[in-house]
C-alpha atoms as a PDB file:
ATOM      1  CA  MET A   1       8.282 -18.211  12.124  1.00  0.00           C
ATOM      2  CA  THR A   2       8.288 -20.078   8.678  1.00  0.00           C
ATOM      3  CA  GLY A   3      11.583 -22.126   7.668  1.00  0.00           C
ATOM      4  CA  PRO A   4      13.582 -21.069   4.767  1.00  0.00           C
ATOM      5  CA  GLY A   5      12.017 -20.052   1.424  1.00  0.00           C
ATOM      6  CA  GLY A   6      14.352 -22.194  -0.586  1.00  0.00           C
ATOM      7  CA  SER A   7      18.213 -22.274  -1.758  1.00  0.00           C
ATOM      8  CA  ASP A   8      18.261 -18.679  -1.591  1.00  0.00           C
ATOM      9  CA  GLY A   9      18.373 -18.615   2.537  1.00  0.00           C
ATOM     10  CA  VAL A  10      15.500 -16.301   2.921  1.00  0.00           C
ATOM     11  CA  VAL A  11      13.624 -16.655   6.515  1.00  0.00           C
ATOM     12  CA  GLU A  12      10.212 -15.004   7.118  1.00  0.00           C
ATOM     13  CA  SER A  13       8.528 -14.274  10.181  1.00  0.00           C
ATOM     14  CA  ASP A  14       5.405 -13.070  10.951  1.00  0.00           C
ATOM     15  CA  GLU A  15       6.421 -11.767  14.435  1.00  0.00           C
ATOM     16  CA  ALA A  16       6.157  -8.116  13.051  1.00  0.00           C
ATOM     17  CA  ALA A  17       3.824  -5.277  14.068  1.00  0.00           C
ATOM     18  CA  SER A  18       1.265  -4.268  12.000  1.00  0.00           C
ATOM     19  CA  GLY A  19       2.806  -1.661  10.222  1.00  0.00           C
ATOM     20  CA  GLU A  20       6.280  -2.420  10.856  1.00  0.00           C
ATOM     21  CA  ALA A  21       7.369  -1.584   7.126  1.00  0.00           C
ATOM     22  CA  PHE A  22       6.019   2.002   7.634  1.00  0.00           C
ATOM     23  CA  LEU A  23       7.916   2.181  11.328  1.00  0.00           C
ATOM     24  CA  ARG A  24      11.076   0.953   9.500  1.00  0.00           C
ATOM     25  CA  ALA A  25      10.815   3.156   6.627  1.00  0.00           C
ATOM     26  CA  LEU A  26       9.889   6.357   8.696  1.00  0.00           C
ATOM     27  CA  GLY A  27      12.786   5.561  11.256  1.00  0.00           C
ATOM     28  CA  ASP A  28      13.064   8.148  13.889  1.00  0.00           C
ATOM     29  CA  ASP A  29      10.264  10.447  12.407  1.00  0.00           C
ATOM     30  CA  ALA A  30       7.993   7.676  13.380  1.00  0.00           C
ATOM     31  CA  ALA A  31       7.891   9.359  16.604  1.00  0.00           C
ATOM     32  CA  GLN A  32       6.014  12.328  15.264  1.00  0.00           C
ATOM     33  CA  LEU A  33       3.101  10.203  14.008  1.00  0.00           C
ATOM     34  CA  HIS A  34      -0.452  10.989  15.462  1.00  0.00           C
ATOM     35  CA  PRO A  35      -0.317   9.000  18.922  1.00  0.00           C
ATOM     36  CA  GLU A  36      -3.475   6.732  17.591  1.00  0.00           C
ATOM     37  CA  ILE A  37      -1.761   5.702  14.120  1.00  0.00           C
ATOM     38  CA  ALA A  38       1.394   5.019  15.980  1.00  0.00           C
ATOM     39  CA  ALA A  39      -0.134   2.595  18.543  1.00  0.00           C
ATOM     40  CA  GLN A  40      -2.033   0.907  15.752  1.00  0.00           C
ATOM     41  CA  MET A  41       1.020   0.467  13.868  1.00  0.00           C
ATOM     42  CA  ARG A  42       2.920  -1.034  16.409  1.00  0.00           C
ATOM     43  CA  THR A  43       0.136  -3.483  17.734  1.00  0.00           C
ATOM     44  CA  SER A  44       1.619  -7.100  17.628  1.00  0.00           C
ATOM     45  CA  SER A  45      -0.915  -8.492  15.449  1.00  0.00           C
ATOM     46  CA  ALA A  46       0.853  -9.400  12.082  1.00  0.00           C
ATOM     47  CA  ARG A  47      -2.503  -9.436  10.576  1.00  0.00           C
ATOM     48  CA  THR A  48      -5.439  -6.824  10.462  1.00  0.00           C
ATOM     49  CA  ARG A  49      -8.965  -6.001   9.260  1.00  0.00           C
ATOM     50  CA  GLY A  50     -10.629  -2.932   8.805  1.00  0.00           C
ATOM     51  CA  GLU A  51     -14.120  -1.512   7.720  1.00  0.00           C
ATOM     52  CA  GLY A  52     -15.056   2.017   6.447  1.00  0.00           C
ATOM     53  CA  VAL A  53     -16.568   3.987   3.529  1.00  0.00           C
ATOM     54  CA  PHE A  54     -15.264   6.091   0.981  1.00  0.00           C
ATOM     55  CA  VAL A  55     -16.713   9.174   0.452  1.00  0.00           C
ATOM     56  CA  ARG A  56     -15.475   9.132  -3.531  1.00  0.00           C
ATOM     57  CA  ALA A  57     -13.702   5.840  -5.087  1.00  0.00           C
ATOM     58  CA  GLY A  58     -12.839   4.995  -8.452  1.00  0.00           C
ATOM     59  CA  SER A  59     -11.803   5.965 -12.107  1.00  0.00           C
ATOM     60  CA  ARG A  60     -13.413   8.003 -14.385  1.00  0.00           C
ATOM     61  CA  TYR A  61     -11.448   5.718 -16.733  1.00  0.00           C
ATOM     62  CA  ARG A  62     -13.266   2.840 -16.682  1.00  0.00           C
ATOM     63  CA  LEU A  63     -13.051   1.660 -20.383  1.00  0.00           C
ATOM     64  CA  LEU A  64      -8.978   2.173 -20.355  1.00  0.00           C
ATOM     65  CA  ASN A  65      -9.022   0.303 -17.028  1.00  0.00           C
ATOM     66  CA  ALA A  66     -10.509  -2.653 -18.020  1.00  0.00           C
ATOM     67  CA  LEU A  67      -8.674  -2.567 -21.334  1.00  0.00           C
ATOM     68  CA  LEU A  68      -5.694  -2.727 -19.057  1.00  0.00           C
ATOM     69  CA  LEU A  69      -6.807  -5.590 -17.073  1.00  0.00           C
ATOM     70  CA  PRO A  70      -4.998  -8.608 -19.296  1.00  0.00           C
ATOM     71  CA  LEU A  71      -1.531  -6.656 -19.068  1.00  0.00           C
ATOM     72  CA  LEU A  72      -1.726  -5.562 -15.355  1.00  0.00           C
ATOM     73  CA  GLY A  73      -3.695  -8.525 -14.018  1.00  0.00           C
ATOM     74  CA  ARG A  74      -6.010  -9.088 -11.358  1.00  0.00           C
ATOM     75  CA  ASP A  75      -6.362  -6.741  -8.258  1.00  0.00           C
ATOM     76  CA  ALA A  76      -4.414  -3.602  -9.937  1.00  0.00           C
ATOM     77  CA  VAL A  77      -7.001  -1.191 -11.264  1.00  0.00           C
ATOM     78  CA  VAL A  78     -10.669  -0.277 -10.445  1.00  0.00           C
ATOM     79  CA  THR A  79     -13.251  -0.099 -13.305  1.00  0.00           C
ATOM     80  CA  ARG A  80     -16.031   1.605 -11.317  1.00  0.00           C
ATOM     81  CA  ILE A  81     -16.463   4.929  -9.770  1.00  0.00           C
ATOM     82  CA  GLY A  82     -18.899   5.545  -6.977  1.00  0.00           C
ATOM     83  CA  ARG A  83     -19.711   7.605  -4.021  1.00  0.00           C
ATOM     84  CA  ASP A  84     -20.415   6.597   0.019  1.00  0.00           C
ATOM     85  CA  VAL A  85     -18.728   3.152  -1.367  1.00  0.00           C
ATOM     86  CA  PRO A  86     -18.245   0.692   1.483  1.00  0.00           C
ATOM     87  CA  PHE A  87     -15.172  -1.320   1.893  1.00  0.00           C
ATOM     88  CA  SER A  88     -12.866  -3.637   3.710  1.00  0.00           C
ATOM     89  CA  VAL A  89      -9.065  -3.797   3.863  1.00  0.00           C
ATOM     90  CA  ARG A  90      -6.938  -6.410   5.024  1.00  0.00           C
ATOM     91  CA  THR A  91      -3.359  -6.367   5.813  1.00  0.00           C
ATOM     92  CA  GLU A  92      -0.513  -9.191   6.781  1.00  0.00           C
ATOM     93  CA  SER A  93       2.879  -7.916   7.992  1.00  0.00           C
ATOM     94  CA  ALA A  94       5.963  -9.749   7.973  1.00  0.00           C
ATOM     95  CA  VAL A  95       9.610  -9.793   8.504  1.00  0.00           C
ATOM     96  CA  ARG A  96      12.311 -11.620   5.739  1.00  0.00           C
ATOM     97  CA  THR A  97      15.737 -12.103   6.277  1.00  0.00           C
ATOM     98  CA  ALA A  98      17.939 -13.052   3.626  1.00  0.00           C
ATOM     99  CA  THR A  99      21.808 -14.429   3.456  1.00  0.00           C
ATOM    100  CA  VAL A 100      23.260 -12.569   0.504  1.00  0.00           C
ATOM    101  CA  GLY A 101      27.225 -13.123   0.345  1.00  0.00           C
ATOM    102  CA  GLY A 102      27.672 -13.602   3.783  1.00  0.00           C
ATOM    103  CA  ALA A 103      25.752 -10.518   4.701  1.00  0.00           C
ATOM    104  CA  THR A 104      22.361 -10.329   6.450  1.00  0.00           C
ATOM    105  CA  ILE A 105      19.640  -8.046   4.859  1.00  0.00           C
ATOM    106  CA  GLU A 106      16.199  -7.882   6.859  1.00  0.00           C
ATOM    107  CA  ARG A 107      13.360  -6.132   5.115  1.00  0.00           C
ATOM    108  CA  ALA A 108       9.644  -5.696   6.246  1.00  0.00           C
ATOM    109  CA  THR A 109       6.526  -6.413   4.064  1.00  0.00           C
ATOM    110  CA  LEU A 110       3.020  -5.455   4.335  1.00  0.00           C
ATOM    111  CA  ARG A 111       0.455  -7.296   2.172  1.00  0.00           C
ATOM    112  CA  THR A 112      -2.667  -4.992   1.444  1.00  0.00           C
ATOM    113  CA  VAL A 113      -6.114  -5.950  -0.180  1.00  0.00           C
ATOM    114  CA  ARG A 114      -8.764  -3.345  -0.395  1.00  0.00           C
ATOM    115  CA  GLU A 115     -12.333  -4.528  -1.553  1.00  0.00           C
ATOM    116  CA  PHE A 116     -14.479  -2.016  -2.942  1.00  0.00           C
ATOM    117  CA  ARG A 117     -18.189  -2.669  -2.384  1.00  0.00           C
ATOM    118  CA  PHE A 118     -19.820  -0.859  -5.289  1.00  0.00           C
ATOM    119  CA  PRO A 119     -23.652  -1.245  -5.829  1.00  0.00           C
ATOM    120  CA  THR A 120     -22.823  -2.877  -9.082  1.00  0.00           C
ATOM    121  CA  GLY A 121     -20.444  -5.430  -7.671  1.00  0.00           C
ATOM    122  CA  THR A 122     -17.301  -5.770  -5.778  1.00  0.00           C
ATOM    123  CA  GLN A 123     -13.578  -5.194  -7.178  1.00  0.00           C
ATOM    124  CA  ARG A 124     -10.378  -5.509  -5.235  1.00  0.00           C
ATOM    125  CA  VAL A 125      -7.152  -3.807  -5.189  1.00  0.00           C
ATOM    126  CA  ALA A 126      -4.214  -5.317  -3.640  1.00  0.00           C
ATOM    127  CA  ASP A 127      -0.334  -4.231  -2.985  1.00  0.00           C
ATOM    128  CA  VAL A 128       2.856  -5.444  -1.384  1.00  0.00           C
ATOM    129  CA  ILE A 129       4.750  -2.803   0.326  1.00  0.00           C
ATOM    130  CA  THR A 130       8.549  -3.802   1.185  1.00  0.00           C
ATOM    131  CA  THR A 131      11.035  -1.617   3.204  1.00  0.00           C
ATOM    132  CA  SER A 132      14.091  -0.199   0.752  1.00  0.00           C
ATOM    133  CA  VAL A 133      17.801   0.009   2.127  1.00  0.00           C
ATOM    134  CA  HIS A 134      17.431   3.648   1.343  1.00  0.00           C
ATOM    135  CA  PRO A 135      15.916   5.273   4.579  1.00  0.00           C
ATOM    136  CA  GLY A 136      12.281   6.643   3.941  1.00  0.00           C
ATOM    137  CA  LEU A 137      11.820   5.042   0.693  1.00  0.00           C
ATOM    138  CA  VAL A 138       9.648   1.671   0.284  1.00  0.00           C
ATOM    139  CA  ARG A 139       8.620  -0.362  -2.991  1.00  0.00           C
ATOM    140  CA  THR A 140       5.012  -0.620  -3.996  1.00  0.00           C
ATOM    141  CA  LEU A 141       3.893  -3.520  -6.178  1.00  0.00           C
ATOM    142  CA  LEU A 142       0.791  -3.319  -7.130  1.00  0.00           C
ATOM    143  CA  GLY A 143      -1.912  -6.032  -8.195  1.00  0.00           C
ATOM    144  CA  GLU A 144      -1.747  -9.981  -8.053  1.00  0.00           C
ATOM    145  CA  ARG A 145       1.057  -9.719 -10.598  1.00  0.00           C
ATOM    146  CA  GLY A 146       3.207  -7.077  -9.371  1.00  0.00           C
ATOM    147  CA  ARG A 147       3.647  -5.391 -12.809  1.00  0.00           C
ATOM    148  CA  ILE A 148       3.304  -1.795 -11.653  1.00  0.00           C
ATOM    149  CA  GLU A 149       6.143  -0.963  -9.245  1.00  0.00           C
ATOM    150  CA  LEU A 150       6.004   2.357  -7.503  1.00  0.00           C
ATOM    151  CA  ILE A 151       9.340   3.722  -5.290  1.00  0.00           C
ATOM    152  CA  GLU A 152       7.438   5.712  -2.540  1.00  0.00           C
ATOM    153  CA  GLU A 153       8.886   8.366  -0.096  1.00  0.00           C
ATOM    154  CA  CYS A 154       7.169   7.599   3.611  1.00  0.00           C
ATOM    155  CA  THR A 155       6.911  10.875   5.577  1.00  0.00           C
ATOM    156  CA  VAL A 156       5.079  12.407   8.623  1.00  0.00           C
ATOM    157  CA  GLY A 157       2.455  15.076   7.687  1.00  0.00           C
ATOM    158  CA  ALA A 158       0.875  17.859   9.355  1.00  0.00           C
ATOM    159  CA  GLY A 159      -1.232  16.781  12.408  1.00  0.00           C
ATOM    160  CA  GLY A 160       1.073  13.162  12.232  1.00  0.00           C
ATOM    161  CA  THR A 161      -0.164  11.884   9.323  1.00  0.00           C
ATOM    162  CA  LEU A 162       1.456   9.183   7.296  1.00  0.00           C
ATOM    163  CA  ARG A 163       2.237  10.702   3.928  1.00  0.00           C
ATOM    164  CA  MET A 164       3.637   8.763   0.817  1.00  0.00           C
ATOM    165  CA  ARG A 165       4.655   9.932  -2.872  1.00  0.00           C
ATOM    166  CA  THR A 166       6.043   8.481  -5.547  1.00  0.00           C
ATOM    167  CA  ARG A 167       9.544   8.917  -6.451  1.00  0.00           C
ATOM    168  CA  ARG A 168       9.489   7.229  -9.450  1.00  0.00           C
ATOM    169  CA  ALA A 169       7.722   4.394 -11.430  1.00  0.00           C
ATOM    170  CA  ALA A 170       8.096   1.325 -13.797  1.00  0.00           C
ATOM    171  CA  LEU A 171       6.309  -1.309 -15.703  1.00  0.00           C
ATOM    172  CA  ARG A 172       7.839  -4.972 -14.910  1.00  0.00           C
ATOM    173  CA  LEU A 173       7.256  -7.128 -17.898  1.00  0.00           C
ATOM    174  CA  GLY A 174       9.056 -10.593 -18.849  1.00  0.00           C
ATOM    175  CA  GLY A 175      11.651  -9.947 -16.395  1.00  0.00           C
ATOM    176  CA  ARG A 176      12.834  -6.549 -17.288  1.00  0.00           C
ATOM    177  CA  ARG A 177      11.583  -2.957 -15.855  1.00  0.00           C
ATOM    178  CA  PHE A 178      10.464  -0.102 -18.167  1.00  0.00           C
ATOM    179  CA  ALA A 179      10.812   3.092 -16.485  1.00  0.00           C
ATOM    180  CA  LEU A 180       7.293   5.064 -16.794  1.00  0.00           C
ATOM    181  CA  ARG A 181       8.456   8.580 -17.347  1.00  0.00           C
ATOM    182  CA  GLY A 182       7.022  11.377 -19.196  1.00  0.00           C
ATOM    183  CA  VAL A 183       3.423  11.106 -20.683  1.00  0.00           C
ATOM    184  CA  LEU A 184       3.496   7.395 -19.106  1.00  0.00           C
ATOM    185  CA  ALA A 185       4.421   8.754 -15.451  1.00  0.00           C
ATOM    186  CA  VAL A 186       2.272   7.645 -12.827  1.00  0.00           C
ATOM    187  CA  HIS A 187       2.259   9.623  -9.542  1.00  0.00           C
ATOM    188  CA  ALA A 188       0.450   8.353  -6.388  1.00  0.00           C
ATOM    189  CA  ASP A 189      -0.003  10.806  -3.183  1.00  0.00           C
ATOM    190  CA  VAL A 190      -1.427   8.750  -0.197  1.00  0.00           C
ATOM    191  CA  GLU A 191      -2.564  10.703   3.256  1.00  0.00           C
ATOM    192  CA  ASP A 192      -3.479   8.423   5.878  1.00  0.00           C
ATOM    193  CA  GLY A 193      -4.689  10.205   8.986  1.00  0.00           C
ATOM    194  CA  TRP A 194      -6.973  10.273  12.344  1.00  0.00           C
ATOM    195  CA  ASP A 195     -10.035  11.842  12.760  1.00  0.00           C
ATOM    196  CA  ASP A 196     -10.277  12.935  16.454  1.00  0.00           C
ATOM    197  CA  ASP A 197     -13.770  13.626  16.384  1.00  0.00           C
ATOM    198  CA  ASN A 198     -15.085  10.354  15.160  1.00  0.00           C
ATOM    199  CA  ALA A 199     -11.980   8.180  16.541  1.00  0.00           C
ATOM    200  CA  ARG A 200     -11.280   6.866  13.087  1.00  0.00           C
ATOM    201  CA  ARG A 201      -8.469   6.696  10.457  1.00  0.00           C
ATOM    202  CA  THR A 202      -8.882   8.811   7.282  1.00  0.00           C
ATOM    203  CA  ILE A 203      -7.388   7.813   3.899  1.00  0.00           C
ATOM    204  CA  ALA A 204      -6.831   9.936   0.635  1.00  0.00           C
ATOM    205  CA  VAL A 205      -5.187   8.537  -2.569  1.00  0.00           C
ATOM    206  CA  THR A 206      -4.981  10.197  -5.694  1.00  0.00           C
ATOM    207  CA  VAL A 207      -2.977   8.606  -8.398  1.00  0.00           C
ATOM    208  CA  ARG A 208      -2.110  11.021 -11.697  1.00  0.00           C
ATOM    209  CA  ASN A 209      -0.605  10.932 -14.921  1.00  0.00           C
ATOM    210  CA  PRO A 210       0.522  13.971 -16.369  1.00  0.00           C
ATOM    211  CA  ILE A 211      -1.696  13.704 -19.319  1.00  0.00           C
ATOM    212  CA  ALA A 212      -5.004  12.342 -18.185  1.00  0.00           C
ATOM    213  CA  GLY A 213      -4.994  13.855 -15.039  1.00  0.00           C
ATOM    214  CA  THR A 214      -6.493  11.756 -11.947  1.00  0.00           C
ATOM    215  CA  ILE A 215      -7.024   7.983 -12.851  1.00  0.00           C
ATOM    216  CA  LEU A 216      -7.762   6.715  -9.709  1.00  0.00           C
ATOM    217  CA  GLU A 217      -8.745   8.394  -6.387  1.00  0.00           C
ATOM    218  CA  TYR A 218      -9.966   7.301  -3.087  1.00  0.00           C
ATOM    219  CA  ARG A 219     -10.859   8.936  -0.161  1.00  0.00           C
ATOM    220  CA  GLY A 220     -13.090   8.164   3.174  1.00  0.00           C
ATOM    221  CA  TRP A 221     -12.356   6.479   6.762  1.00  0.00           C
ATOM    222  CA  TYR A 222     -12.198   3.450   8.361  1.00  0.00           C
ATOM    223  CA  ARG A 223     -11.581   1.509  11.320  1.00  0.00           C
ATOM    224  CA  MET A 224      -8.729  -1.271  11.890  1.00  0.00           C
ATOM    225  CA  LEU A 225      -9.290  -4.211  14.101  1.00  0.00           C
ATOM    226  CA  ALA A 226      -6.667  -6.824  15.314  1.00  0.00           C
ATOM    227  CA  GLU A 227      -7.492 -10.251  13.696  1.00  0.00           C
ATOM    228  CA  ASP A 228      -5.000 -12.077  16.027  1.00  0.00           C
ATOM    229  CA  GLN A 229      -3.540 -11.072  19.331  1.00  0.00           C
END
């Protein structure tokens, strides 16, 4: 456990299950997850790593995404596209306890970094997921600067998959939040499942905009390995 994070009375503990944020968001519904997914999420390893292959990954709006890099910062967008793209994923789970006005608030966080190894170079996408005071909802901040904020609903899908769908999105800039609605809306659909035949996790992520259509997608498989026991 780390010490207080300053005068705000925040204490961060690394004594968290690898999928603590999702387990807390799902609550009792976590019992409906596929047994293999549930077991991996409940492992006591706060840090995990995984390796896999994306059957398809990237964005057809490569130039537009490249132009957005100065605004959104590193690790927020992908500017390449390809098939059979090897990738790695690293996660770090923690629980933060804050004292606000005499009340104790505890929230789980999950930091994830994905490396897409395209033939023309490696690109990263990172995010931080934090549990909400509202059951079933998590907040996701994309990229190193966290300028894109997604409020996502976590549910259990058919076959015990973890489903995440965007409820609302915002741009965080200069200490302010600008809601992304209408033609600026961003909607992410995530499905994290299990392949019984090959004993491995599956992943399918699609990010859409009402005007541009699919602006980012990646789907494939991976296997998680604990970095510490």
